[in-house]
PDB file of N, CA and C in Angstrom:
ATOM      1  N   UNK A   1     -84.237  13.689 112.396  1.00  0.00           N
ATOM      2  CA  UNK A   1     -84.735  13.984 113.919  1.00  0.00           C
ATOM      3  C   UNK A   1     -85.776  15.354 113.727  1.00  0.00           C
ATOM      4  N   UNK A   2     -86.731  15.163 114.534  1.00  0.00           N
ATOM      5  CA  UNK A   2     -87.532  16.146 114.633  1.00  0.00           C
ATOM      6  C   UNK A   2     -87.148  17.540 115.137  1.00  0.00           C
ATOM      7  N   UNK A   3     -87.459  18.483 114.597  1.00  0.00           N
ATOM      8  CA  UNK A   3     -86.971  19.761 115.045  1.00  0.00           C
ATOM      9  C   UNK A   3     -87.467  20.080 116.531  1.00  0.00           C
ATOM     10  N   UNK A   4     -88.479  19.490 117.026  1.00  0.00           N
ATOM     11  CA  UNK A   4     -89.119  19.936 118.475  1.00  0.00           C
ATOM     12  C   UNK A   4     -87.976  19.430 119.520  1.00  0.00           C
ATOM     13  N   UNK A   5     -87.071  18.271 119.162  1.00  0.00           N
ATOM     14  CA  UNK A   5     -86.130  17.988 120.330  1.00  0.00           C
ATOM     15  C   UNK A   5     -84.403  18.010 119.738  1.00  0.00           C
ATOM     16  N   UNK A   6     -84.429  18.827 118.494  1.00  0.00           N
ATOM     17  CA  UNK A   6     -82.985  18.814 117.951  1.00  0.00           C
ATOM     18  C   UNK A   6     -82.142  19.618 118.961  1.00  0.00           C
ATOM     19  N   UNK A   7     -82.567  20.667 119.467  1.00  0.00           N
ATOM     20  CA  UNK A   7     -81.788  21.433 120.496  1.00  0.00           C
ATOM     21  C   UNK A   7     -81.253  20.759 121.809  1.00  0.00           C
ATOM     22  N   UNK A   8     -82.359  20.170 122.388  1.00  0.00           N
ATOM     23  CA  UNK A   8     -82.096  19.145 123.520  1.00  0.00           C
ATOM     24  C   UNK A   8     -80.853  18.059 122.975  1.00  0.00           C
ATOM     25  N   UNK A   9     -81.090  17.485 121.886  1.00  0.00           N
ATOM     26  CA  UNK A   9     -80.138  16.334 121.534  1.00  0.00           C
ATOM     27  C   UNK A   9     -78.724  16.977 121.341  1.00  0.00           C
ATOM     28  N   UNK A  10     -78.649  18.161 120.736  1.00  0.00           N
ATOM     29  CA  UNK A  10     -77.514  18.909 120.565  1.00  0.00           C
ATOM     30  C   UNK A  10     -76.874  19.076 121.835  1.00  0.00           C
ATOM     31  N   UNK A  11     -77.598  19.486 122.929  1.00  0.00           N
ATOM     32  CA  UNK A  11     -77.019  19.535 124.237  1.00  0.00           C
ATOM     33  C   UNK A  11     -76.357  18.076 124.831  1.00  0.00           C
ATOM     34  N   UNK A  12     -77.325  17.351 124.708  1.00  0.00           N
ATOM     35  CA  UNK A  12     -76.885  15.990 125.284  1.00  0.00           C
ATOM     36  C   UNK A  12     -75.430  15.563 124.317  1.00  0.00           C
ATOM     37  N   UNK A  13     -75.403  15.541 122.964  1.00  0.00           N
ATOM     38  CA  UNK A  13     -74.341  15.386 122.260  1.00  0.00           C
ATOM     39  C   UNK A  13     -73.132  16.178 122.762  1.00  0.00           C
ATOM     40  N   UNK A  14     -73.295  17.474 123.045  1.00  0.00           N
ATOM     41  CA  UNK A  14     -72.127  18.220 123.563  1.00  0.00           C
ATOM     42  C   UNK A  14     -71.635  17.474 124.869  1.00  0.00           C
ATOM     43  N   UNK A  15     -72.530  17.264 125.648  1.00  0.00           N
ATOM     44  CA  UNK A  15     -72.190  16.813 126.932  1.00  0.00           C
ATOM     45  C   UNK A  15     -71.455  15.487 126.824  1.00  0.00           C
ATOM     46  N   UNK A  16     -71.771  14.463 125.967  1.00  0.00           N
ATOM     47  CA  UNK A  16     -71.219  13.278 125.735  1.00  0.00           C
ATOM     48  C   UNK A  16     -69.642  13.572 125.119  1.00  0.00           C
ATOM     49  N   UNK A  17     -69.666  14.552 123.983  1.00  0.00           N
ATOM     50  CA  UNK A  17     -68.388  14.985 123.619  1.00  0.00           C
ATOM     51  C   UNK A  17     -67.448  15.420 124.662  1.00  0.00           C
ATOM     52  N   UNK A  18     -67.923  16.279 125.533  1.00  0.00           N
ATOM     53  CA  UNK A  18     -67.153  16.929 126.475  1.00  0.00           C
ATOM     54  C   UNK A  18     -66.818  16.009 127.709  1.00  0.00           C
ATOM     55  N   UNK A  19     -67.484  15.063 128.112  1.00  0.00           N
ATOM     56  CA  UNK A  19     -67.250  13.964 129.004  1.00  0.00           C
ATOM     57  C   UNK A  19     -66.258  13.153 128.261  1.00  0.00           C
ATOM     58  N   UNK A  20     -66.222  12.812 127.204  1.00  0.00           N
ATOM     59  CA  UNK A  20     -65.605  11.860 126.471  1.00  0.00           C
ATOM     60  C   UNK A  20     -63.921  12.524 126.548  1.00  0.00           C
ATOM     61  N   UNK A  21     -63.904  13.822 126.253  1.00  0.00           N
ATOM     62  CA  UNK A  21     -62.659  14.525 126.171  1.00  0.00           C
ATOM     63  C   UNK A  21     -62.076  14.550 127.504  1.00  0.00           C
ATOM     64  N   UNK A  22     -62.811  14.891 128.616  1.00  0.00           N
ATOM     65  CA  UNK A  22     -62.389  14.949 129.827  1.00  0.00           C
ATOM     66  C   UNK A  22     -61.715  13.508 130.159  1.00  0.00           C
ATOM     67  N   UNK A  23     -62.230  12.406 129.752  1.00  0.00           N
ATOM     68  CA  UNK A  23     -61.780  11.013 129.925  1.00  0.00           C
ATOM     69  C   UNK A  23     -60.616  10.798 129.087  1.00  0.00           C
ATOM     70  N   UNK A  24     -60.256  11.825 128.327  1.00  0.00           N
ATOM     71  CA  UNK A  24     -58.977  11.367 127.389  1.00  0.00           C
ATOM     72  C   UNK A  24     -59.379  10.347 126.427  1.00  0.00           C
ATOM     73  N   UNK A  25     -60.512  10.214 125.876  1.00  0.00           N
ATOM     74  CA  UNK A  25     -60.937   9.199 124.935  1.00  0.00           C
ATOM     75  C   UNK A  25     -61.186   9.854 123.639  1.00  0.00           C
ATOM     76  N   UNK A  26     -60.908   9.241 122.336  1.00  0.00           N
ATOM     77  CA  UNK A  26     -61.026   9.699 121.157  1.00  0.00           C
ATOM     78  C   UNK A  26     -62.380   9.270 120.701  1.00  0.00           C
ATOM     79  N   UNK A  27     -62.980   9.670 119.686  1.00  0.00           N
ATOM     80  CA  UNK A  27     -64.151   9.156 119.109  1.00  0.00           C
ATOM     81  C   UNK A  27     -63.962   7.781 118.930  1.00  0.00           C
ATOM     82  N   UNK A  28     -62.946   7.322 118.478  1.00  0.00           N
ATOM     83  CA  UNK A  28     -62.618   5.769 117.965  1.00  0.00           C
ATOM     84  C   UNK A  28     -62.891   5.023 119.327  1.00  0.00           C
ATOM     85  N   UNK A  29     -62.213   5.448 120.267  1.00  0.00           N
ATOM     86  CA  UNK A  29     -61.901   4.520 121.556  1.00  0.00           C
ATOM     87  C   UNK A  29     -63.328   4.348 122.252  1.00  0.00           C
ATOM     88  N   UNK A  30     -63.982   5.515 122.096  1.00  0.00           N
ATOM     89  CA  UNK A  30     -65.346   5.441 122.896  1.00  0.00           C
ATOM     90  C   UNK A  30     -66.333   4.488 121.948  1.00  0.00           C
ATOM     91  N   UNK A  31     -66.425   4.735 120.751  1.00  0.00           N
ATOM     92  CA  UNK A  31     -67.234   3.859 119.903  1.00  0.00           C
ATOM     93  C   UNK A  31     -66.967   2.439 119.913  1.00  0.00           C
ATOM     94  N   UNK A  32     -65.491   2.284 120.149  1.00  0.00           N
ATOM     95  CA  UNK A  32     -65.116   0.765 120.326  1.00  0.00           C
ATOM     96  C   UNK A  32     -65.677   0.227 121.589  1.00  0.00           C
ATOM     97  N   UNK A  33     -65.783   0.944 122.643  1.00  0.00           N
ATOM     98  CA  UNK A  33     -66.119   0.593 123.938  1.00  0.00           C
ATOM     99  C   UNK A  33     -67.699   0.440 123.968  1.00  0.00           C
ATOM    100  N   UNK A  34     -68.423   1.189 123.072  1.00  0.00           N
ATOM    101  CA  UNK A  34     -69.771   1.116 122.970  1.00  0.00           C
ATOM    102  C   UNK A  34     -70.260   0.171 121.838  1.00  0.00           C
ATOM    103  N   UNK A  35     -69.224  -0.477 121.199  1.00  0.00           N
ATOM    104  CA  UNK A  35     -69.692  -1.433 120.050  1.00  0.00           C
ATOM    105  C   UNK A  35     -70.655  -0.665 119.101  1.00  0.00           C
ATOM    106  N   UNK A  36     -70.192   0.588 118.713  1.00  0.00           N
ATOM    107  CA  UNK A  36     -70.862   1.300 117.755  1.00  0.00           C
ATOM    108  C   UNK A  36     -69.853   1.864 116.691  1.00  0.00           C
ATOM    109  N   UNK A  37     -70.294   2.411 115.552  1.00  0.00           N
ATOM    110  CA  UNK A  37     -69.153   3.043 114.797  1.00  0.00           C
ATOM    111  C   UNK A  37     -68.903   4.495 115.237  1.00  0.00           C
ATOM    112  N   UNK A  38     -67.508   4.740 114.680  1.00  0.00           N
ATOM    113  CA  UNK A  38     -67.087   6.216 115.068  1.00  0.00           C
ATOM    114  C   UNK A  38     -68.029   7.088 114.506  1.00  0.00           C
ATOM    115  N   UNK A  39     -68.400   6.720 113.226  1.00  0.00           N
ATOM    116  CA  UNK A  39     -69.262   7.753 112.388  1.00  0.00           C
ATOM    117  C   UNK A  39     -70.621   7.955 113.165  1.00  0.00           C
ATOM    118  N   UNK A  40     -71.307   6.917 113.721  1.00  0.00           N
ATOM    119  CA  UNK A  40     -72.514   6.772 114.526  1.00  0.00           C
ATOM    120  C   UNK A  40     -72.333   7.939 115.790  1.00  0.00           C
ATOM    121  N   UNK A  41     -70.949   7.692 116.534  1.00  0.00           N
ATOM    122  CA  UNK A  41     -70.819   8.429 117.615  1.00  0.00           C
ATOM    123  C   UNK A  41     -70.653   9.894 117.365  1.00  0.00           C
ATOM    124  N   UNK A  42     -69.991  10.087 116.027  1.00  0.00           N
ATOM    125  CA  UNK A  42     -69.760  11.549 115.525  1.00  0.00           C
ATOM    126  C   UNK A  42     -71.276  12.294 115.327  1.00  0.00           C
ATOM    127  N   UNK A  43     -72.181  11.508 114.966  1.00  0.00           N
ATOM    128  CA  UNK A  43     -73.446  12.007 114.644  1.00  0.00           C
ATOM    129  C   UNK A  43     -74.272  12.389 115.711  1.00  0.00           C
ATOM    130  N   UNK A  44     -74.082  11.376 116.976  1.00  0.00           N
ATOM    131  CA  UNK A  44     -74.740  11.627 118.267  1.00  0.00           C
ATOM    132  C   UNK A  44     -74.021  12.970 118.810  1.00  0.00           C
ATOM    133  N   UNK A  45     -72.742  13.137 118.697  1.00  0.00           N
ATOM    134  CA  UNK A  45     -72.126  14.179 119.450  1.00  0.00           C
ATOM    135  C   UNK A  45     -72.513  15.454 118.857  1.00  0.00           C
ATOM    136  N   UNK A  46     -72.730  15.429 117.535  1.00  0.00           N
ATOM    137  CA  UNK A  46     -73.063  16.606 116.904  1.00  0.00           C
ATOM    138  C   UNK A  46     -74.626  16.828 116.585  1.00  0.00           C
ATOM    139  N   UNK A  47     -75.440  15.889 117.008  1.00  0.00           N
ATOM    140  CA  UNK A  47     -76.819  15.820 116.661  1.00  0.00           C
ATOM    141  C   UNK A  47     -77.185  16.216 115.372  1.00  0.00           C
ATOM    142  N   UNK A  48     -76.309  15.582 114.162  1.00  0.00           N
ATOM    143  CA  UNK A  48     -76.601  15.788 113.019  1.00  0.00           C
ATOM    144  C   UNK A  48     -76.847  14.498 112.322  1.00  0.00           C
ATOM    145  N   UNK A  49     -77.284  14.701 110.887  1.00  0.00           N
ATOM    146  CA  UNK A  49     -77.914  13.508 110.001  1.00  0.00           C
ATOM    147  C   UNK A  49     -78.942  12.874 110.694  1.00  0.00           C
ATOM    148  N   UNK A  50     -79.821  13.518 111.239  1.00  0.00           N
ATOM    149  CA  UNK A  50     -81.257  13.035 111.976  1.00  0.00           C
ATOM    150  C   UNK A  50     -80.849  11.661 112.726  1.00  0.00           C
ATOM    151  N   UNK A  51     -79.920  11.481 113.298  1.00  0.00           N
ATOM    152  CA  UNK A  51     -79.655  10.343 114.121  1.00  0.00           C
ATOM    153  C   UNK A  51     -80.346  10.701 115.513  1.00  0.00           C
ATOM    154  N   UNK A  52     -80.965   9.720 115.911  1.00  0.00           N
ATOM    155  CA  UNK A  52     -81.412   9.748 117.528  1.00  0.00           C
ATOM    156  C   UNK A  52     -80.615   8.520 118.224  1.00  0.00           C
ATOM    157  N   UNK A  53     -80.749   8.646 119.377  1.00  0.00           N
ATOM    158  CA  UNK A  53     -80.027   7.988 120.428  1.00  0.00           C
ATOM    159  C   UNK A  53     -81.187   7.058 121.367  1.00  0.00           C
ATOM    160  N   UNK A  54     -80.993   5.576 121.357  1.00  0.00           N
ATOM    161  CA  UNK A  54     -81.748   5.060 122.106  1.00  0.00           C
ATOM    162  C   UNK A  54     -81.431   5.154 123.728  1.00  0.00           C
ATOM    163  N   UNK A  55     -82.296   4.924 124.593  1.00  0.00           N
ATOM    164  CA  UNK A  55     -82.043   4.881 125.993  1.00  0.00           C
ATOM    165  C   UNK A  55     -81.270   3.941 126.400  1.00  0.00           C
ATOM    166  N   UNK A  56     -81.057   2.587 125.917  1.00  0.00           N
ATOM    167  CA  UNK A  56     -80.054   1.736 126.313  1.00  0.00           C
ATOM    168  C   UNK A  56     -78.676   2.166 125.944  1.00  0.00           C
ATOM    169  N   UNK A  57     -78.593   2.861 124.880  1.00  0.00           N
ATOM    170  CA  UNK A  57     -77.228   3.286 124.469  1.00  0.00           C
ATOM    171  C   UNK A  57     -76.874   4.363 125.127  1.00  0.00           C
ATOM    172  N   UNK A  58     -77.733   5.402 125.547  1.00  0.00           N
ATOM    173  CA  UNK A  58     -77.347   6.422 126.590  1.00  0.00           C
ATOM    174  C   UNK A  58     -77.050   5.966 127.904  1.00  0.00           C
ATOM    175  N   UNK A  59     -77.665   5.007 128.184  1.00  0.00           N
ATOM    176  CA  UNK A  59     -77.250   4.249 129.651  1.00  0.00           C
ATOM    177  C   UNK A  59     -75.842   3.700 129.628  1.00  0.00           C
ATOM    178  N   UNK A  60     -75.424   2.976 128.349  1.00  0.00           N
ATOM    179  CA  UNK A  60     -74.228   2.485 128.213  1.00  0.00           C
ATOM    180  C   UNK A  60     -73.010   3.657 128.253  1.00  0.00           C
ATOM    181  N   UNK A  61     -73.555   4.691 127.488  1.00  0.00           N
ATOM    182  CA  UNK A  61     -72.604   6.030 127.224  1.00  0.00           C
ATOM    183  C   UNK A  61     -72.355   6.170 128.728  1.00  0.00           C
ATOM    184  N   UNK A  62     -73.226   6.350 129.590  1.00  0.00           N
ATOM    185  CA  UNK A  62     -73.101   7.084 130.934  1.00  0.00           C
ATOM    186  C   UNK A  62     -72.177   6.202 131.664  1.00  0.00           C
ATOM    187  N   UNK A  63     -72.286   4.820 131.516  1.00  0.00           N
ATOM    188  CA  UNK A  63     -71.625   4.008 132.346  1.00  0.00           C
ATOM    189  C   UNK A  63     -70.022   3.727 131.783  1.00  0.00           C
ATOM    190  N   UNK A  64     -70.025   3.892 130.643  1.00  0.00           N
ATOM    191  CA  UNK A  64     -68.486   3.766 129.947  1.00  0.00           C
ATOM    192  C   UNK A  64     -67.893   5.005 130.326  1.00  0.00           C
ATOM    193  N   UNK A  65     -68.506   6.108 130.298  1.00  0.00           N
ATOM    194  CA  UNK A  65     -67.872   7.448 130.689  1.00  0.00           C
ATOM    195  C   UNK A  65     -67.895   8.052 132.208  1.00  0.00           C
ATOM    196  N   UNK A  66     -68.500   6.946 132.879  1.00  0.00           N
ATOM    197  CA  UNK A  66     -68.565   7.112 134.374  1.00  0.00           C
ATOM    198  C   UNK A  66     -69.234   8.284 134.623  1.00  0.00           C
ATOM    199  N   UNK A  67     -70.249   8.665 134.195  1.00  0.00           N
ATOM    200  CA  UNK A  67     -71.095  10.050 134.298  1.00  0.00           C
ATOM    201  C   UNK A  67     -72.413   9.578 134.770  1.00  0.00           C
ATOM    202  N   UNK A  68     -73.039  10.236 135.715  1.00  0.00           N
ATOM    203  CA  UNK A  68     -74.503  10.130 136.138  1.00  0.00           C
ATOM    204  C   UNK A  68     -75.405  10.226 134.978  1.00  0.00           C
ATOM    205  N   UNK A  69     -76.155   9.438 134.507  1.00  0.00           N
ATOM    206  CA  UNK A  69     -77.129   9.550 133.510  1.00  0.00           C
ATOM    207  C   UNK A  69     -78.029  10.955 133.535  1.00  0.00           C
ATOM    208  N   UNK A  70     -78.293  11.443 134.703  1.00  0.00           N
ATOM    209  CA  UNK A  70     -79.013  12.584 134.815  1.00  0.00           C
ATOM    210  C   UNK A  70     -78.001  13.725 134.535  1.00  0.00           C
ATOM    211  N   UNK A  71     -76.889  13.723 134.572  1.00  0.00           N
ATOM    212  CA  UNK A  71     -75.889  14.703 134.066  1.00  0.00           C
ATOM    213  C   UNK A  71     -75.856  14.932 132.667  1.00  0.00           C
ATOM    214  N   UNK A  72     -75.847  13.823 131.972  1.00  0.00           N
ATOM    215  CA  UNK A  72     -76.039  13.801 130.400  1.00  0.00           C
ATOM    216  C   UNK A  72     -77.297  14.095 129.958  1.00  0.00           C
ATOM    217  N   UNK A  73     -78.394  14.139 130.660  1.00  0.00           N
ATOM    218  CA  UNK A  73     -79.680  14.413 130.031  1.00  0.00           C
ATOM    219  C   UNK A  73     -80.534  15.499 130.710  1.00  0.00           C
ATOM    220  N   UNK A  74     -79.862  16.226 131.827  1.00  0.00           N
ATOM    221  CA  UNK A  74     -80.609  17.227 132.425  1.00  0.00           C
ATOM    222  C   UNK A  74     -80.414  18.510 131.461  1.00  0.00           C
ATOM    223  N   UNK A  75     -81.022  18.848 130.774  1.00  0.00           N
ATOM    224  CA  UNK A  75     -80.900  19.818 129.759  1.00  0.00           C
ATOM    225  C   UNK A  75     -81.785  20.978 129.974  1.00  0.00           C
ATOM    226  N   UNK A  76     -82.611  20.958 130.819  1.00  0.00           N
ATOM    227  CA  UNK A  76     -83.586  22.175 131.120  1.00  0.00           C
ATOM    228  C   UNK A  76     -82.902  23.397 131.534  1.00  0.00           C
ATOM    229  N   UNK A  77     -82.941  24.552 130.549  1.00  0.00           N
ATOM    230  CA  UNK A  77     -82.363  25.622 130.887  1.00  0.00           C
ATOM    231  C   UNK A  77     -80.958  25.658 130.465  1.00  0.00           C
ATOM    232  N   UNK A  78     -80.305  24.626 129.989  1.00  0.00           N
ATOM    233  CA  UNK A  78     -78.803  24.260 129.570  1.00  0.00           C
ATOM    234  C   UNK A  78     -78.593  24.670 128.140  1.00  0.00           C
ATOM    235  N   UNK A  79     -78.408  25.799 127.546  1.00  0.00           N
ATOM    236  CA  UNK A  79     -78.506  26.270 126.092  1.00  0.00           C
ATOM    237  C   UNK A  79     -77.499  27.094 125.930  1.00  0.00           C
ATOM    238  N   UNK A  80     -76.789  27.068 124.748  1.00  0.00           N
ATOM    239  CA  UNK A  80     -75.770  28.227 124.292  1.00  0.00           C
ATOM    240  C   UNK A  80     -74.780  28.518 125.324  1.00  0.00           C
ATOM    241  N   UNK A  81     -75.138  29.768 125.951  1.00  0.00           N
ATOM    242  CA  UNK A  81     -74.103  30.188 126.873  1.00  0.00           C
ATOM    243  C   UNK A  81     -74.041  29.426 128.185  1.00  0.00           C
ATOM    244  N   UNK A  82     -75.376  28.789 128.465  1.00  0.00           N
ATOM    245  CA  UNK A  82     -75.259  28.100 129.868  1.00  0.00           C
ATOM    246  C   UNK A  82     -74.319  26.914 129.655  1.00  0.00           C
ATOM    247  N   UNK A  83     -74.119  26.464 128.373  1.00  0.00           N
ATOM    248  CA  UNK A  83     -73.278  25.235 127.956  1.00  0.00           C
ATOM    249  C   UNK A  83     -71.897  25.617 128.239  1.00  0.00           C
ATOM    250  N   UNK A  84     -71.452  26.950 127.905  1.00  0.00           N
ATOM    251  CA  UNK A  84     -70.047  27.510 128.021  1.00  0.00           C
ATOM    252  C   UNK A  84     -69.892  27.568 129.195  1.00  0.00           C
ATOM    253  N   UNK A  85     -70.658  28.076 130.098  1.00  0.00           N
ATOM    254  CA  UNK A  85     -70.196  28.303 131.526  1.00  0.00           C
ATOM    255  C   UNK A  85     -70.236  26.873 132.219  1.00  0.00           C
ATOM    256  N   UNK A  86     -71.094  26.152 131.781  1.00  0.00           N
ATOM    257  CA  UNK A  86     -71.096  24.693 132.401  1.00  0.00           C
ATOM    258  C   UNK A  86     -69.698  23.940 132.158  1.00  0.00           C
ATOM    259  N   UNK A  87     -69.046  23.914 130.987  1.00  0.00           N
ATOM    260  CA  UNK A  87     -67.810  23.541 130.707  1.00  0.00           C
ATOM    261  C   UNK A  87     -66.856  24.233 131.121  1.00  0.00           C
ATOM    262  N   UNK A  88     -66.800  25.485 131.201  1.00  0.00           N
ATOM    263  CA  UNK A  88     -65.842  26.272 131.883  1.00  0.00           C
ATOM    264  C   UNK A  88     -65.809  25.858 133.428  1.00  0.00           C
ATOM    265  N   UNK A  89     -67.085  25.909 133.980  1.00  0.00           N
ATOM    266  CA  UNK A  89     -66.932  25.312 135.382  1.00  0.00           C
ATOM    267  C   UNK A  89     -66.257  23.829 135.530  1.00  0.00           C
ATOM    268  N   UNK A  90     -66.572  22.976 134.758  1.00  0.00           N
ATOM    269  CA  UNK A  90     -66.348  21.636 134.760  1.00  0.00           C
ATOM    270  C   UNK A  90     -64.707  21.721 134.574  1.00  0.00           C
ATOM    271  N   UNK A  91     -64.266  22.435 133.481  1.00  0.00           N
ATOM    272  CA  UNK A  91     -62.647  22.396 133.446  1.00  0.00           C
ATOM    273  C   UNK A  91     -62.037  22.957 134.636  1.00  0.00           C
ATOM    274  N   UNK A  92     -62.568  24.131 135.282  1.00  0.00           N
ATOM    275  CA  UNK A  92     -61.933  24.573 136.464  1.00  0.00           C
ATOM    276  C   UNK A  92     -61.889  23.666 137.500  1.00  0.00           C
ATOM    277  N   UNK A  93     -63.039  22.859 137.721  1.00  0.00           N
ATOM    278  CA  UNK A  93     -63.141  21.585 138.781  1.00  0.00           C
ATOM    279  C   UNK A  93     -62.204  20.659 138.546  1.00  0.00           C
ATOM    280  N   UNK A  94     -62.068  20.082 137.296  1.00  0.00           N
ATOM    281  CA  UNK A  94     -61.032  19.254 137.139  1.00  0.00           C
ATOM    282  C   UNK A  94     -59.512  19.666 137.183  1.00  0.00           C
ATOM    283  N   UNK A  95     -59.384  20.859 136.855  1.00  0.00           N
ATOM    284  CA  UNK A  95     -58.171  21.519 137.101  1.00  0.00           C
ATOM    285  C   UNK A  95     -57.661  21.736 138.551  1.00  0.00           C
ATOM    286  N   UNK A  96     -58.836  21.901 139.421  1.00  0.00           N
ATOM    287  CA  UNK A  96     -58.337  21.763 140.936  1.00  0.00           C
ATOM    288  C   UNK A  96     -58.128  20.304 141.394  1.00  0.00           C
ATOM    289  N   UNK A  97     -58.908  19.523 140.878  1.00  0.00           N
ATOM    290  CA  UNK A  97     -58.688  18.055 141.178  1.00  0.00           C
ATOM    291  C   UNK A  97     -57.426  17.384 140.748  1.00  0.00           C
ATOM    292  N   UNK A  98     -56.965  17.958 139.654  1.00  0.00           N
ATOM    293  CA  UNK A  98     -55.556  17.642 139.308  1.00  0.00           C
ATOM    294  C   UNK A  98     -54.351  18.159 140.104  1.00  0.00           C
ATOM    295  N   UNK A  99     -54.657  19.538 140.339  1.00  0.00           N
ATOM    296  CA  UNK A  99     -53.779  20.080 141.244  1.00  0.00           C
ATOM    297  C   UNK A  99     -53.819  19.384 142.781  1.00  0.00           C
ATOM    298  N   UNK A 100     -54.791  19.038 143.421  1.00  0.00           N
ATOM    299  CA  UNK A 100     -54.876  18.135 144.413  1.00  0.00           C
ATOM    300  C   UNK A 100     -54.335  17.020 144.285  1.00  0.00           C
ATOM    301  N   UNK A 101     -54.405  16.356 143.245  1.00  0.00           N
ATOM    302  CA  UNK A 101     -53.635  14.933 143.131  1.00  0.00           C
ATOM    303  C   UNK A 101     -52.245  15.171 143.021  1.00  0.00           C
ATOM    304  N   UNK A 102     -51.719  16.253 142.207  1.00  0.00           N
ATOM    305  CA  UNK A 102     -50.454  16.478 142.105  1.00  0.00           C
ATOM    306  C   UNK A 102     -49.709  16.883 143.497  1.00  0.00           C
ATOM    307  N   UNK A 103     -50.429  17.600 144.253  1.00  0.00           N
ATOM    308  CA  UNK A 103     -50.007  17.946 145.675  1.00  0.00           C
ATOM    309  C   UNK A 103     -49.955  16.529 146.502  1.00  0.00           C
ATOM    310  N   UNK A 104     -50.995  15.742 146.341  1.00  0.00           N
ATOM    311  CA  UNK A 104     -50.752  14.431 146.980  1.00  0.00           C
ATOM    312  C   UNK A 104     -49.740  13.514 146.523  1.00  0.00           C
ATOM    313  N   UNK A 105     -49.327  13.515 145.448  1.00  0.00           N
ATOM    314  CA  UNK A 105     -48.227  12.974 144.863  1.00  0.00           C
ATOM    315  C   UNK A 105     -46.888  13.391 145.477  1.00  0.00           C
ATOM    316  N   UNK A 106     -46.802  14.726 145.771  1.00  0.00           N
ATOM    317  CA  UNK A 106     -45.763  15.171 146.239  1.00  0.00           C
ATOM    318  C   UNK A 106     -45.529  14.875 147.695  1.00  0.00           C
ATOM    319  N   UNK A 107     -46.805  15.059 148.459  1.00  0.00           N
ATOM    320  CA  UNK A 107     -46.592  14.732 149.680  1.00  0.00           C
ATOM    321  C   UNK A 107     -46.191  13.297 149.943  1.00  0.00           C
ATOM    322  N   UNK A 108     -46.794  12.160 149.316  1.00  0.00           N
ATOM    323  CA  UNK A 108     -46.515  10.967 149.186  1.00  0.00           C
ATOM    324  C   UNK A 108     -45.029  10.649 149.075  1.00  0.00           C
ATOM    325  N   UNK A 109     -44.230  11.539 148.183  1.00  0.00           N
ATOM    326  CA  UNK A 109     -43.089  11.281 147.722  1.00  0.00           C
ATOM    327  C   UNK A 109     -42.199  11.866 149.031  1.00  0.00           C
ATOM    328  N   UNK A 110     -42.472  12.857 149.610  1.00  0.00           N
ATOM    329  CA  UNK A 110     -41.844  13.186 150.863  1.00  0.00           C
ATOM    330  C   UNK A 110     -41.919  12.157 152.151  1.00  0.00           C
ATOM    331  N   UNK A 111     -43.196  11.761 152.164  1.00  0.00           N
ATOM    332  CA  UNK A 111     -43.545  10.800 153.257  1.00  0.00           C
ATOM    333  C   UNK A 111     -42.538   9.412 153.107  1.00  0.00           C
ATOM    334  N   UNK A 112     -42.410   9.069 151.868  1.00  0.00           N
ATOM    335  CA  UNK A 112     -41.425   8.004 151.603  1.00  0.00           C
ATOM    336  C   UNK A 112     -40.080   8.274 151.729  1.00  0.00           C
ATOM    337  N   UNK A 113     -39.580   9.381 151.387  1.00  0.00           N
ATOM    338  CA  UNK A 113     -38.492   9.858 151.696  1.00  0.00           C
ATOM    339  C   UNK A 113     -37.937   9.765 153.241  1.00  0.00           C
ATOM    340  N   UNK A 114     -39.033  10.397 153.988  1.00  0.00           N
ATOM    341  CA  UNK A 114     -39.018  10.483 155.369  1.00  0.00           C
ATOM    342  C   UNK A 114     -38.935   9.227 155.973  1.00  0.00           C
ATOM    343  N   UNK A 115     -39.815   8.106 155.456  1.00  0.00           N
ATOM    344  CA  UNK A 115     -39.750   6.777 156.152  1.00  0.00           C
ATOM    345  C   UNK A 115     -38.349   6.141 155.809  1.00  0.00           C
ATOM    346  N   UNK A 116     -37.773   6.454 154.793  1.00  0.00           N
ATOM    347  CA  UNK A 116     -36.369   5.712 154.286  1.00  0.00           C
ATOM    348  C   UNK A 116     -35.301   6.207 155.558  1.00  0.00           C
ATOM    349  N   UNK A 117     -35.498   7.761 155.606  1.00  0.00           N
ATOM    350  CA  UNK A 117     -34.512   8.616 156.609  1.00  0.00           C
ATOM    351  C   UNK A 117     -34.705   7.845 157.936  1.00  0.00           C
ATOM    352  N   UNK A 118     -35.875   7.653 158.440  1.00  0.00           N
ATOM    353  CA  UNK A 118     -36.103   7.554 159.890  1.00  0.00           C
ATOM    354  C   UNK A 118     -35.927   5.861 160.217  1.00  0.00           C
ATOM    355  N   UNK A 119     -36.039   5.210 158.948  1.00  0.00           N
ATOM    356  CA  UNK A 119     -36.045   3.554 159.185  1.00  0.00           C
ATOM    357  C   UNK A 119     -34.637   3.168 158.998  1.00  0.00           C
ATOM    358  N   UNK A 120     -33.817   4.202 158.703  1.00  0.00           N
ATOM    359  CA  UNK A 120     -32.211   3.812 158.467  1.00  0.00           C
ATOM    360  C   UNK A 120     -32.106   3.129 157.032  1.00  0.00           C
ATOM    361  N   UNK A 121     -32.805   3.304 156.074  1.00  0.00           N
ATOM    362  CA  UNK A 121     -32.717   2.337 154.747  1.00  0.00           C
ATOM    363  C   UNK A 121     -31.947   3.277 153.778  1.00  0.00           C
ATOM    364  N   UNK A 122     -31.690   4.541 154.201  1.00  0.00           N
ATOM    365  CA  UNK A 122     -30.755   5.264 153.218  1.00  0.00           C
ATOM    366  C   UNK A 122     -30.130   6.315 154.394  1.00  0.00           C
ATOM    367  N   UNK A 123     -29.089   6.985 153.794  1.00  0.00           N
ATOM    368  CA  UNK A 123     -28.198   7.926 154.393  1.00  0.00           C
ATOM    369  C   UNK A 123     -28.606   9.226 153.747  1.00  0.00           C
ATOM    370  N   UNK A 124     -29.420  10.266 154.233  1.00  0.00           N
ATOM    371  CA  UNK A 124     -29.442  11.596 153.698  1.00  0.00           C
ATOM    372  C   UNK A 124     -29.058  12.520 154.400  1.00  0.00           C
TER     373      UNK A 124
END
């Protein structure tokens, strides 16, 4: 890989790895879904071994990970400490979403219990 785009490829690779982890996929699982080898995916994620990524493969990755292509490739100004902040923000966002989902599950359980009580299906 030419040095002039190595840093950008590293950023894209880190984003792919981050979204893969958020989706709870191993490298092997994602590679299988993309019909590529785990070794090739590993090289993409680490931007190592002079591997490049084609646009069609990048599009497939965005689709499989259900991530906007622009989010994977918008690398302007996103380097080193910015990546750390980006992933920290993403982690916080997903933690909030998980908490909201957990709260919603508790509310649905309470509604189901109330429905049973008021419809006479159970005695509580």
